[in-house]
N, C-alpha and C. Protein backbone atom coordinates (compact mmCIF):
# COMPACT_ATOMS: atom_id res chain seq x y z
N UNK A 1 11.26 -9.19 -5.94
CA UNK A 1 9.86 -9.07 -6.42
C UNK A 1 9.48 -10.64 -6.87
N UNK A 2 10.53 -11.42 -7.57
CA UNK A 2 10.12 -12.46 -7.98
C UNK A 2 9.94 -13.47 -6.76
N UNK A 3 10.77 -13.25 -5.86
CA UNK A 3 10.49 -14.34 -4.73
C UNK A 3 9.30 -14.04 -3.80
N UNK A 4 8.74 -12.76 -3.92
CA UNK A 4 7.43 -12.41 -3.40
C UNK A 4 6.13 -13.21 -4.28
N UNK A 5 6.32 -13.03 -5.51
CA UNK A 5 5.39 -13.32 -6.52
C UNK A 5 5.26 -15.09 -6.58
N UNK A 6 6.56 -15.61 -6.27
CA UNK A 6 6.51 -17.21 -5.91
C UNK A 6 5.95 -17.70 -4.96
N UNK A 7 6.03 -16.85 -3.91
CA UNK A 7 5.57 -17.22 -2.32
C UNK A 7 4.21 -16.90 -2.39
N UNK A 8 3.70 -15.88 -3.39
CA UNK A 8 1.80 -15.76 -3.39
C UNK A 8 1.65 -15.96 -4.91
N UNK A 9 1.59 -17.09 -5.07
CA UNK A 9 1.19 -17.27 -6.69
C UNK A 9 -0.34 -16.84 -6.99
N UNK A 10 -1.10 -16.60 -5.90
CA UNK A 10 -2.45 -16.25 -6.30
C UNK A 10 -2.56 -14.75 -6.41
N UNK A 11 -1.43 -14.23 -6.33
CA UNK A 11 -1.39 -12.39 -6.61
C UNK A 11 -0.50 -11.92 -7.78
N UNK A 12 -0.98 -11.13 -8.63
CA UNK A 12 -0.18 -10.28 -9.57
C UNK A 12 -0.15 -8.81 -9.30
N UNK A 13 0.91 -8.26 -9.90
CA UNK A 13 1.23 -6.95 -9.61
C UNK A 13 0.27 -6.00 -10.36
N UNK A 14 -0.51 -5.19 -9.33
CA UNK A 14 -1.61 -4.28 -10.12
C UNK A 14 -1.13 -3.27 -11.01
N UNK A 15 -1.79 -3.10 -12.06
CA UNK A 15 -1.44 -2.29 -13.15
C UNK A 15 -2.34 -1.08 -13.26
N UNK A 16 -1.99 0.12 -14.21
CA UNK A 16 -2.60 1.08 -14.29
C UNK A 16 -4.12 0.72 -15.04
N UNK A 17 -4.15 -0.51 -15.57
CA UNK A 17 -5.60 -0.83 -16.18
C UNK A 17 -6.50 -1.47 -15.04
N UNK A 18 -6.12 -1.87 -14.09
CA UNK A 18 -6.87 -2.25 -12.99
C UNK A 18 -7.42 -0.91 -12.25
N UNK A 19 -7.19 0.20 -12.60
CA UNK A 19 -7.78 1.24 -12.04
C UNK A 19 -9.04 1.70 -12.85
N UNK A 20 -9.99 2.26 -11.94
CA UNK A 20 -11.43 2.81 -12.72
C UNK A 20 -11.01 4.41 -12.68
N UNK A 21 -10.89 4.96 -13.54
CA UNK A 21 -10.72 6.65 -13.52
C UNK A 21 -11.84 7.31 -12.81
N UNK A 22 -11.58 8.35 -12.20
CA UNK A 22 -12.54 9.22 -11.56
C UNK A 22 -13.51 9.93 -12.66
N UNK A 23 -14.46 10.66 -12.36
CA UNK A 23 -15.32 11.50 -13.56
C UNK A 23 -14.46 12.12 -14.31
N UNK A 24 -13.33 12.73 -13.78
CA UNK A 24 -12.48 13.64 -14.77
C UNK A 24 -11.60 12.86 -15.70
N UNK A 25 -11.57 11.69 -15.70
CA UNK A 25 -10.55 10.70 -16.33
C UNK A 25 -9.16 10.91 -15.52
N UNK A 26 -9.28 11.33 -14.37
CA UNK A 26 -7.90 11.51 -13.39
C UNK A 26 -7.09 12.52 -14.16
N UNK A 27 -7.89 13.49 -14.85
CA UNK A 27 -7.07 14.64 -15.52
C UNK A 27 -6.27 15.51 -14.45
N UNK A 28 -6.95 15.67 -13.31
CA UNK A 28 -6.27 16.61 -12.20
C UNK A 28 -5.13 15.60 -11.63
N UNK A 29 -5.15 14.38 -11.55
CA UNK A 29 -3.96 13.68 -10.94
C UNK A 29 -2.78 13.89 -11.99
N UNK A 30 -3.18 13.53 -13.15
CA UNK A 30 -2.20 13.64 -14.21
C UNK A 30 -1.45 15.08 -14.30
N UNK A 31 -2.14 15.95 -14.22
CA UNK A 31 -1.91 17.38 -14.28
C UNK A 31 -0.94 17.70 -13.06
N UNK A 32 -1.35 17.06 -11.81
CA UNK A 32 -0.41 17.41 -10.65
C UNK A 32 0.95 16.50 -10.68
N UNK A 33 0.69 15.20 -11.08
CA UNK A 33 1.90 14.32 -10.92
C UNK A 33 2.66 14.23 -12.39
N UNK A 34 2.03 14.51 -13.43
CA UNK A 34 2.68 14.06 -14.87
C UNK A 34 2.55 12.64 -15.19
N UNK A 35 3.28 12.00 -14.58
CA UNK A 35 3.24 10.59 -14.84
C UNK A 35 2.69 10.05 -13.52
N UNK A 36 1.58 9.32 -13.53
CA UNK A 36 0.76 8.97 -12.20
C UNK A 36 0.43 7.26 -12.40
N UNK A 37 1.08 6.81 -11.31
CA UNK A 37 0.70 5.25 -11.21
C UNK A 37 0.16 4.89 -9.55
N UNK A 38 -1.16 4.83 -9.79
CA UNK A 38 -1.85 4.54 -8.52
C UNK A 38 -1.33 3.61 -7.40
N UNK A 39 -0.68 2.47 -8.02
CA UNK A 39 -0.54 1.53 -7.10
C UNK A 39 1.02 1.15 -6.69
N UNK A 40 1.99 2.22 -6.90
CA UNK A 40 3.15 2.22 -6.72
C UNK A 40 3.67 3.66 -6.06
N UNK A 41 4.30 3.57 -4.89
CA UNK A 41 4.94 4.76 -4.36
C UNK A 41 6.26 4.47 -3.74
N UNK A 42 7.16 5.44 -3.33
CA UNK A 42 8.42 5.03 -2.79
C UNK A 42 8.75 6.20 -1.84
N UNK A 43 9.61 5.75 -0.85
CA UNK A 43 10.14 6.84 0.07
C UNK A 43 10.71 6.02 1.16
N UNK A 44 11.34 6.97 2.16
CA UNK A 44 11.99 6.24 3.36
C UNK A 44 10.96 6.07 4.39
N UNK A 45 10.42 4.89 4.29
CA UNK A 45 9.02 4.75 5.13
C UNK A 45 9.53 4.49 6.48
N UNK A 46 10.68 3.72 6.93
CA UNK A 46 10.87 3.36 8.31
C UNK A 46 12.16 4.20 8.66
N UNK A 47 12.45 5.21 8.20
CA UNK A 47 13.22 6.08 8.60
C UNK A 47 14.83 5.74 8.90
N UNK A 48 15.29 4.73 7.98
CA UNK A 48 16.49 4.06 8.21
C UNK A 48 17.37 4.88 6.93
N UNK A 49 17.07 5.77 6.12
CA UNK A 49 17.92 6.34 5.33
C UNK A 49 18.21 5.62 4.19
N UNK A 50 17.11 4.54 3.87
CA UNK A 50 17.44 3.55 2.66
C UNK A 50 15.71 3.68 2.21
N UNK A 51 15.98 3.72 0.87
CA UNK A 51 14.46 3.94 0.01
C UNK A 51 13.63 2.53 0.16
N UNK A 52 12.48 2.87 0.28
CA UNK A 52 11.38 1.53 0.39
C UNK A 52 10.44 1.71 -0.69
N UNK A 53 9.75 0.83 -0.91
CA UNK A 53 8.56 1.02 -1.79
C UNK A 53 7.39 0.29 -1.32
N UNK A 54 5.97 0.80 -1.66
CA UNK A 54 4.87 0.09 -1.74
C UNK A 54 4.12 -0.32 -2.88
N UNK A 55 3.81 -1.32 -3.08
CA UNK A 55 3.16 -1.86 -4.35
C UNK A 55 1.87 -2.69 -4.05
N UNK A 56 0.90 -2.46 -4.74
CA UNK A 56 -0.32 -3.17 -4.79
C UNK A 56 -0.35 -4.16 -5.76
N UNK A 57 -1.04 -5.35 -5.14
CA UNK A 57 -1.02 -6.70 -5.89
C UNK A 57 -2.65 -6.95 -6.01
N UNK A 58 -3.16 -7.73 -7.04
CA UNK A 58 -4.40 -8.08 -7.13
C UNK A 58 -4.50 -9.51 -7.24
N UNK A 59 -5.38 -10.13 -6.94
CA UNK A 59 -5.60 -11.51 -6.50
C UNK A 59 -6.13 -12.23 -8.11
N UNK A 60 -5.22 -13.16 -8.45
CA UNK A 60 -5.57 -13.87 -9.83
C UNK A 60 -6.77 -14.35 -10.12
N UNK A 61 -7.50 -14.72 -8.91
CA UNK A 61 -8.63 -15.65 -9.18
C UNK A 61 -9.88 -14.80 -9.45
N UNK A 62 -9.90 -13.52 -9.48
CA UNK A 62 -10.92 -12.90 -9.76
C UNK A 62 -10.68 -11.88 -11.16
N UNK A 63 -11.79 -11.67 -11.73
CA UNK A 63 -11.76 -10.87 -13.22
C UNK A 63 -11.42 -9.40 -12.73
N UNK A 64 -11.16 -8.71 -13.83
CA UNK A 64 -10.71 -7.17 -13.73
C UNK A 64 -11.67 -6.58 -13.22
N UNK A 65 -12.90 -6.80 -13.63
CA UNK A 65 -14.28 -6.11 -13.35
C UNK A 65 -14.53 -6.13 -11.52
N UNK A 66 -13.85 -6.87 -10.93
CA UNK A 66 -13.99 -6.75 -9.49
C UNK A 66 -12.81 -7.13 -8.67
N UNK A 67 -11.61 -6.38 -9.04
CA UNK A 67 -10.29 -6.61 -8.30
C UNK A 67 -10.36 -6.41 -6.98
N UNK A 68 -9.64 -7.33 -6.12
CA UNK A 68 -9.42 -7.21 -4.80
C UNK A 68 -7.91 -7.09 -4.56
N UNK A 69 -7.55 -6.17 -3.86
CA UNK A 69 -6.19 -5.87 -3.91
C UNK A 69 -5.42 -6.09 -2.42
N UNK A 70 -4.16 -6.34 -2.39
CA UNK A 70 -3.26 -6.36 -1.12
C UNK A 70 -2.28 -5.25 -1.29
N UNK A 71 -1.93 -4.58 -0.11
CA UNK A 71 -0.78 -3.56 -0.20
C UNK A 71 0.42 -3.99 0.69
N UNK A 72 1.38 -4.00 -0.15
CA UNK A 72 2.65 -4.82 0.47
C UNK A 72 3.75 -3.53 0.56
N UNK A 73 4.63 -3.53 1.67
CA UNK A 73 5.79 -2.63 1.77
C UNK A 73 7.07 -3.57 1.51
N UNK A 74 7.95 -3.03 0.89
CA UNK A 74 9.19 -3.82 0.80
C UNK A 74 10.19 -2.67 1.14
N UNK A 75 10.81 -2.98 2.35
CA UNK A 75 11.81 -2.18 2.85
C UNK A 75 12.97 -2.53 2.36
N UNK A 76 13.87 -1.13 1.90
CA UNK A 76 15.26 -1.26 1.54
C UNK A 76 16.20 -1.98 2.67
N UNK A 77 17.09 -2.62 2.11
CA UNK A 77 18.26 -3.17 2.92
C UNK A 77 19.45 -2.53 2.63
N UNK A 78 20.25 -1.85 3.74
CA UNK A 78 21.49 -1.19 3.20
C UNK A 78 22.52 -2.37 2.77
N UNK A 79 23.25 -1.68 1.80
CA UNK A 79 24.38 -2.64 1.54
C UNK A 79 24.70 -2.04 0.12
N UNK A 80 26.08 -2.87 -0.44
CA UNK A 80 26.31 -2.61 -1.49
C UNK A 80 26.30 -3.76 -2.44
N UNK A 81 26.08 -3.65 -3.61
CA UNK A 81 25.83 -4.60 -4.73
C UNK A 81 24.86 -5.71 -4.31
N UNK A 82 25.33 -7.05 -4.32
CA UNK A 82 24.31 -8.08 -4.04
C UNK A 82 23.90 -7.87 -2.53
N UNK A 83 24.40 -7.49 -1.67
CA UNK A 83 24.20 -7.31 -0.22
C UNK A 83 22.85 -6.37 0.01
N UNK A 84 22.69 -5.56 -0.92
CA UNK A 84 21.59 -4.37 -0.91
C UNK A 84 20.34 -5.20 -1.43
N UNK A 85 19.48 -4.54 -1.52
CA UNK A 85 18.07 -5.11 -1.95
C UNK A 85 16.97 -4.67 -0.96
N UNK A 86 15.74 -5.59 -0.99
CA UNK A 86 14.63 -5.02 -0.32
C UNK A 86 14.10 -6.31 0.33
N UNK A 87 13.29 -6.29 1.41
CA UNK A 87 12.93 -7.15 2.24
C UNK A 87 11.74 -7.91 1.42
N UNK A 88 11.41 -9.40 1.89
CA UNK A 88 10.62 -10.23 1.19
C UNK A 88 9.15 -9.45 0.87
N UNK A 89 8.64 -8.52 1.78
CA UNK A 89 7.53 -7.97 1.47
C UNK A 89 6.76 -8.02 2.71
N UNK A 90 6.06 -7.02 3.17
CA UNK A 90 5.23 -7.09 4.42
C UNK A 90 3.76 -6.57 4.10
N UNK A 91 2.94 -7.42 4.29
CA UNK A 91 1.52 -7.04 4.05
C UNK A 91 0.92 -5.91 4.99
N UNK A 92 0.29 -4.84 4.57
CA UNK A 92 -0.10 -3.87 5.46
C UNK A 92 -1.75 -4.34 5.22
N UNK A 93 -2.12 -4.77 4.07
CA UNK A 93 -3.68 -5.20 4.24
C UNK A 93 -3.90 -6.00 2.90
N UNK A 94 -4.94 -7.07 3.43
CA UNK A 94 -5.25 -7.93 2.18
C UNK A 94 -6.84 -7.51 1.60
N UNK A 95 -6.94 -8.06 0.37
CA UNK A 95 -8.35 -7.94 0.09
C UNK A 95 -9.05 -6.75 0.26
N UNK A 96 -8.58 -5.72 -0.36
CA UNK A 96 -9.37 -4.40 0.04
C UNK A 96 -9.62 -3.68 -1.36
N UNK A 97 -10.43 -2.78 -1.46
CA UNK A 97 -10.89 -2.30 -2.79
C UNK A 97 -10.09 -1.13 -2.96
N UNK A 98 -9.38 -0.92 -4.16
CA UNK A 98 -8.62 0.18 -4.38
C UNK A 98 -8.63 0.72 -6.03
N UNK A 99 -9.80 -0.10 -6.66
CA UNK A 99 -10.09 0.20 -8.02
C UNK A 99 -10.17 1.60 -8.31
N UNK A 100 -10.96 2.43 -7.40
CA UNK A 100 -11.02 3.85 -7.70
C UNK A 100 -10.14 5.01 -6.79
N UNK A 101 -9.15 4.19 -6.27
CA UNK A 101 -8.33 4.69 -5.27
C UNK A 101 -6.77 4.74 -5.48
N UNK A 102 -6.11 4.70 -4.52
CA UNK A 102 -4.50 4.74 -4.88
C UNK A 102 -3.70 4.60 -3.50
N UNK A 103 -2.38 4.71 -3.85
CA UNK A 103 -1.51 4.53 -2.68
C UNK A 103 -0.62 6.07 -2.61
N UNK A 104 -0.37 6.46 -1.42
CA UNK A 104 0.35 7.46 -1.36
C UNK A 104 1.47 7.48 -0.09
N UNK A 105 2.35 8.52 0.00
CA UNK A 105 3.25 8.71 1.16
C UNK A 105 3.01 10.06 1.64
N UNK A 106 2.84 10.04 2.79
CA UNK A 106 2.57 11.63 3.52
C UNK A 106 3.45 11.46 4.70
N UNK A 107 4.66 12.24 4.39
CA UNK A 107 5.45 12.43 5.38
C UNK A 107 6.12 10.90 5.94
N UNK A 108 5.69 10.42 6.88
CA UNK A 108 6.29 9.37 7.60
C UNK A 108 5.23 8.17 7.44
N UNK A 109 4.20 8.37 6.77
CA UNK A 109 3.15 7.20 6.80
C UNK A 109 2.63 6.78 5.19
N UNK A 110 2.40 5.48 5.28
CA UNK A 110 1.70 5.24 3.96
C UNK A 110 0.33 5.57 4.03
N UNK A 111 -0.12 5.91 3.07
CA UNK A 111 -1.83 6.36 3.09
C UNK A 111 -2.57 5.41 1.90
N UNK A 112 -3.20 4.73 2.43
CA UNK A 112 -4.32 3.98 1.40
C UNK A 112 -5.57 4.61 1.23
N UNK A 113 -5.99 5.01 0.00
CA UNK A 113 -7.03 5.77 -0.34
C UNK A 113 -7.85 4.71 -1.06
N UNK A 114 -9.11 4.05 -0.65
CA UNK A 114 -9.89 3.38 -1.16
C UNK A 114 -10.57 3.89 -2.44
N UNK A 115 -10.95 5.19 -2.31
CA UNK A 115 -11.73 5.99 -3.25
C UNK A 115 -11.40 7.33 -3.12
N UNK A 116 -10.85 7.76 -4.24
CA UNK A 116 -10.20 9.03 -4.16
C UNK A 116 -11.20 10.10 -3.99
N UNK A 117 -12.64 9.86 -4.54
CA UNK A 117 -13.83 11.00 -4.55
C UNK A 117 -14.29 10.88 -3.08
N UNK A 118 -13.79 10.24 -2.09
CA UNK A 118 -14.31 10.07 -0.79
C UNK A 118 -12.98 10.30 0.08
N UNK A 119 -13.25 10.71 1.27
CA UNK A 119 -12.19 11.29 2.38
C UNK A 119 -11.85 10.12 3.01
N UNK A 120 -12.20 8.95 2.92
CA UNK A 120 -11.76 7.77 4.03
C UNK A 120 -10.53 7.54 3.51
N UNK A 121 -9.26 7.35 4.51
CA UNK A 121 -8.19 6.87 4.25
C UNK A 121 -7.72 6.02 5.43
N UNK A 122 -6.78 5.44 5.05
CA UNK A 122 -6.17 4.62 6.14
C UNK A 122 -4.68 4.84 6.27
N UNK A 123 -3.98 5.07 7.52
CA UNK A 123 -2.55 5.54 7.45
C UNK A 123 -1.75 4.45 8.23
N UNK A 124 -0.57 4.06 7.81
CA UNK A 124 0.24 3.05 8.57
C UNK A 124 1.60 3.90 8.73
N UNK A 125 2.13 3.63 9.96
CA UNK A 125 3.60 4.35 10.22
C UNK A 125 4.41 3.26 10.82
N UNK A 126 5.58 3.42 10.53
CA UNK A 126 6.55 2.48 11.37
C UNK A 126 6.81 2.87 12.57
N UNK A 127 6.78 1.97 13.48
CA UNK A 127 6.89 2.03 14.83
C UNK A 127 8.44 1.12 15.17
N UNK A 128 9.37 1.80 15.38
CA UNK A 128 10.91 0.96 15.70
C UNK A 128 10.81 0.38 16.85
N UNK A 129 10.12 0.53 17.91
CA UNK A 129 9.90 -0.04 19.16
C UNK A 129 9.20 -1.61 18.97
N UNK A 130 8.25 -1.42 18.11
CA UNK A 130 7.29 -2.52 17.48
C UNK A 130 8.22 -3.33 16.30
N UNK A 131 8.83 -2.62 15.86
CA UNK A 131 9.58 -3.32 14.53
C UNK A 131 8.44 -3.71 13.44
N UNK A 132 7.57 -2.67 13.48
CA UNK A 132 6.22 -3.00 12.74
C UNK A 132 5.62 -1.76 12.04
N UNK A 133 4.89 -1.92 10.88
CA UNK A 133 3.96 -0.89 10.57
C UNK A 133 2.70 -1.10 11.38
N UNK A 134 2.40 0.16 11.98
CA UNK A 134 1.29 0.24 13.02
C UNK A 134 -0.06 1.13 12.26
N UNK A 135 -1.00 0.47 12.23
CA UNK A 135 -2.17 1.28 11.81
C UNK A 135 -2.25 2.61 12.75
N UNK A 136 -2.62 3.80 12.03
CA UNK A 136 -2.75 4.83 12.85
C UNK A 136 -4.12 5.53 12.80
N UNK A 137 -4.79 5.51 13.80
CA UNK A 137 -6.16 5.84 13.84
C UNK A 137 -6.25 7.60 13.53
N UNK A 138 -7.13 7.89 12.50
CA UNK A 138 -7.19 9.15 12.31
C UNK A 138 -7.81 10.10 13.21
N UNK A 139 -7.20 11.47 13.20
CA UNK A 139 -7.73 12.34 14.08
C UNK A 139 -9.16 12.92 13.70
N UNK A 140 -10.09 12.44 14.31
CA UNK A 140 -11.63 12.79 13.96
C UNK A 140 -12.46 12.20 15.08
N UNK A 141 -13.56 13.04 15.07
CA UNK A 141 -14.61 12.98 15.85
C UNK A 141 -15.43 11.63 15.83
N UNK A 142 -15.32 11.19 14.52
CA UNK A 142 -16.25 10.24 14.15
C UNK A 142 -15.67 8.80 14.78
N UNK A 143 -16.18 8.11 15.73
CA UNK A 143 -15.61 6.83 16.01
C UNK A 143 -15.72 5.64 15.18
N UNK A 144 -16.43 5.76 14.02
CA UNK A 144 -16.52 4.70 13.06
C UNK A 144 -15.41 4.84 12.00
N UNK A 145 -14.99 3.75 11.49
CA UNK A 145 -14.13 3.65 10.18
C UNK A 145 -14.72 2.94 9.41
N UNK A 146 -14.17 3.31 7.77
CA UNK A 146 -14.90 2.68 6.96
C UNK A 146 -14.66 1.30 6.81
N UNK A 147 -15.71 0.57 6.54
CA UNK A 147 -15.48 -1.01 6.37
C UNK A 147 -15.18 -1.39 4.82
N UNK A 148 -13.72 -1.19 4.58
CA UNK A 148 -13.67 -1.44 3.26
C UNK A 148 -12.54 -2.86 3.02
N UNK A 149 -12.27 -3.51 4.02
CA UNK A 149 -11.67 -4.69 4.11
C UNK A 149 -12.53 -5.84 4.32
N UNK A 150 -12.13 -7.04 3.55
CA UNK A 150 -12.94 -8.17 3.78
C UNK A 150 -12.12 -8.92 4.61
N UNK A 151 -10.97 -8.54 5.16
CA UNK A 151 -10.21 -9.16 6.30
C UNK A 151 -10.57 -8.71 7.78
N UNK A 152 -11.35 -7.60 7.74
CA UNK A 152 -11.85 -6.85 9.06
C UNK A 152 -10.61 -5.86 9.33
N UNK A 153 -10.94 -4.90 10.24
CA UNK A 153 -10.28 -3.77 10.87
C UNK A 153 -10.28 -3.90 12.31
N UNK A 154 -9.14 -3.40 12.91
CA UNK A 154 -8.68 -3.20 14.23
C UNK A 154 -8.42 -2.07 14.44
N UNK A 155 -8.61 -1.54 15.74
CA UNK A 155 -7.96 -0.05 16.08
C UNK A 155 -6.39 -0.18 15.80
N UNK A 156 -5.79 -1.27 16.14
CA UNK A 156 -4.36 -1.16 15.76
C UNK A 156 -4.08 -2.34 15.14
N UNK A 157 -3.43 -2.22 14.10
CA UNK A 157 -2.87 -3.15 13.13
C UNK A 157 -1.23 -3.34 13.28
N UNK A 158 -0.53 -4.34 13.15
CA UNK A 158 0.93 -4.51 13.01
C UNK A 158 1.14 -5.22 11.96
N UNK A 159 2.04 -4.77 11.10
CA UNK A 159 2.66 -5.62 9.86
C UNK A 159 4.09 -5.69 10.19
N UNK A 160 4.41 -6.71 10.58
CA UNK A 160 5.89 -7.06 11.03
C UNK A 160 6.87 -7.31 10.03
N UNK A 161 7.93 -6.38 10.10
CA UNK A 161 9.01 -6.59 9.35
C UNK A 161 9.80 -7.93 9.59
N UNK A 162 10.34 -8.65 8.80
CA UNK A 162 11.35 -9.62 9.06
C UNK A 162 12.45 -9.27 9.82
N UNK A 163 12.89 -9.80 10.78
CA UNK A 163 14.24 -9.37 11.35
C UNK A 163 15.29 -9.72 10.64
N UNK A 164 16.59 -9.00 10.79
CA UNK A 164 17.72 -9.23 9.87
C UNK A 164 18.43 -10.20 10.53
């Protein structure tokens, strides 16, 4: 994590204080999860048997009233002791709004929900052939995707993992 932040000095780790709670003050989420952190999730995201995690970061150059988030996956590396650890970080999205949203894991995909009071979500799944996280277009009849990223959206996005 320290290396990632040194390589990206314009970012800081997103905290619970960056979140704008929903109308119910997130009471439903807190009752469901107990301890709820909107910007951190973990699981085996690339199906290698090693724990991975996803973390959101906020741009330092903007005030807390208008945060722009970046979503980063840190894949676990197998090993013991100092040989173990995590990848340097793989950006899934940059400059997205998540102040009223969160990150989650649904089976084999990372789910980015920009606003929990809306149904629009984006999913990324690990594609072992491409050695990348690939944007998965949702099963919907609506051809339009929500435009919530300043960096633009494409039908397929690839966030490449560093080669070992």
